Structures are given as C-alpha cells and as structure tokens.
Amino acid sequence: MMQPFKITVVTSAYNAASYIGRCLESVHDQVWPADSQRDVVMSHWVIDAGSKDGSVGILERWKAGTRPCVPLIDDGGDREREITTQGGSADSRTDAPAAGRPPASRYAFDYLTEPDRGQCDGFNKGVRVASGEWICWLNADDELEPGAIRAFMDCLEAHADADVIYGHTRFIDDQSRPLKTSYHIPFHPMLLLNAVYAPPSSGTFFRRNLLLEHPLDVEYHYVMDTEWFMRCRHQIHAVLADNVMCRFRISNQGKTSGQIQTGICTAEHQDERVKMLRKYVFPRWPELDERQAGERLARYRSWSRVFYYFLKSRYLPRYVTNRFFPGLANGLARRSARAAAAI
C-alpha cells in the first residue's frame, strides 16, 4: 500500500492575533488533490513566541476544533463571508468537510507557545517537530493562495528531484484585498550573489531534511531567507511553479512592509544586508577592500538587472492586465480558484 505523502506548514508567530485566523483558514481550506494517486496528509504547526495579544486563545480554539468567525474577503474585494467551524479535536473530527477541504483524517493542527530568539528560532523549532517530508514556510500574517497545495504537488510530479519549490506572490492589504501580483523568475545563483533577486520565502516549499541540515540562522531577523538561499545555493535544486502560491500581507505590523512599499530599509534591516554581503558576496574579490568591492558589486548589479528584467519580460502581458484591467485580473483569479475547487 502506498504511504501517504506528508506536508507540514510551519508558521512562526508573535502577537499575530489580527491575522493568524486568516492564515490558519487559508491552510485548512486548501483545494484537496482528490485523485487516488495523491494520498496527502497535511499538518500545520504554529510556533508562538509567547504572544500577549490573544493569539494563544485563537490557537487553543483551533486545536479544540472550535474556531471563531474569520472574515475572508474575496478576490474582488466587494463582499465578505464569514466561516465558523465547530467539531472535535483538530486531528480527529469526523464531520464531513466542506467542498475542497481535506477530510479530518488528512488534516492536523497543533501549536507550541514559549519564548524564543526570534522568527528563525521559531521556524527551526517547527521544522524539528514537523512530520512532513516537505515544509511550507508561511508567515503568520500571510495566507496560502487557494490551490497552492495542488500547484505544489503538480510541480513536484514534473520535477521529482526538486529541493525547493516556490511560486508567485499576491500582495494583499490588511483586509485581505489584493493589491498587486509579483511574478517570480527561475532561481539563478548569479542574480542572488549580485544582490538583484532572491526567491520568496512565505508560501515556499522545502524538503524537511534540507532544513534540518541547513536551518535558518537565528542571528538574522530581516534577511534570513536571502541569507539561507545564499548559504545553500550550491546544495539546492530550486524550481519555480508558474502559479500564485502565497498572499503576502502589506500592513503596519509587517517587518518588511515598509521596505516593500517604499524601497527604503530600516537601519537594522540595512545592517543585516551589509553583514550578509560581507559574508557571501565581497569575499569573491579578496584583492579589493570593502569600498572597492561595493563599487564592483554596484556594476555587477547594473548588468544583472538587464538579465533580470529580460527574464521578467515574459510576464509583461500579466502585469499589463493587472495594472490596467484589475477587474478582469480579479475575475480571472476567482475563476481559477473555482476551477481548481471543481477538480
């Protein structure tokens, strides 16, 4: 008998009560691969750092199987629906799942709350306690795009040797309304080392053994994902799935929301970027001092951006549609989600 394929979503959280409910719902409500070739077991671990804002109460209710109403805004942003689910424990409910939801025996939720050293420490803990062969990194204020698990499984079937699978990112506001979509390019170490492009982290799938061997560096709090890709660039086979996988929230509570919106880093964020460059980029030119290495990197970045935008040009029709015909783009997104749910 074929063994079930296990996926664990890991979320590191601290004082995330405003959005953690939507995050949990987005995992629980994933469109389920229904064919017999995909016996999938999905679990979700939230590692909480001792929140004081009511997050733990939300997590307790989820584990008990009684979850509060969570307002979800549809892709058009013109109506709101509320979901309330009640039942037994999160891993033993016997009530029939709603359309597109996994059966109770194929979904489990648990959490741990204790002080930690930051987001990386919490995520590493989640990886250690996870049972999945693959880990999905999901920030506490983000959401999985409907159909993300199906898209991941489809990509893995086509690229069985992949170590990392990532997709595109839909930015959302604090009410989960879509803002814009960022389309990613295939993984390229040169663009990474020239500080032009790194794959996303939230909504990305990693082989668990890879993260056990190469955990996140707890000394980083802003660029931990880019640092990980730089450190592991020679050990991974990263594959791009041409699907939106994550809904990344832009809000006043997000650590990097300001930088994404304005392009301006905080002092702490910039310090970490410099630290990372000193560790991985500048050593390529040992004959240069730091100022000279910085100048050379600036030249390399200019050349690399040309290549980067060449790769991005394949998405120009999508960007034009999203920018000038947002109603059409949102309609297509809703249609895609409904089509996936009907499969």
Foldseek 3Di string as FASTA:
>chain_A
DDDAAEEEEEEEDAQLVLALVQAVCLVQQAQDPPDPVHRYAYEYEYEYQAHDNCPVVQLVCVQQAWHDWDWAAAQVNPDIDTDTTHAGGQQDGQDDDDQRGDGSPRYHYDYHYHHDLARLRSRLVCLVPDPHQKYAYAYSRKHWQHNLVVLVVVVCVVVVQFFKEAEKEFEAESNRHTDGIGGDFADDLLCLLLVNDDTDRHQMMGGSVVCVVPGFDSVDHACSRSLSCLVCVVPGDYDYRHDHTMHHYQYPPDQCNVCVVPVDHDPSNVVVVVVSCVVRHQVVCVVDDPVVSVVVSVVSNVVVVVVRVVRVVVCVVVRCCCPPPVVVVSVVSVVVSVVSSVD
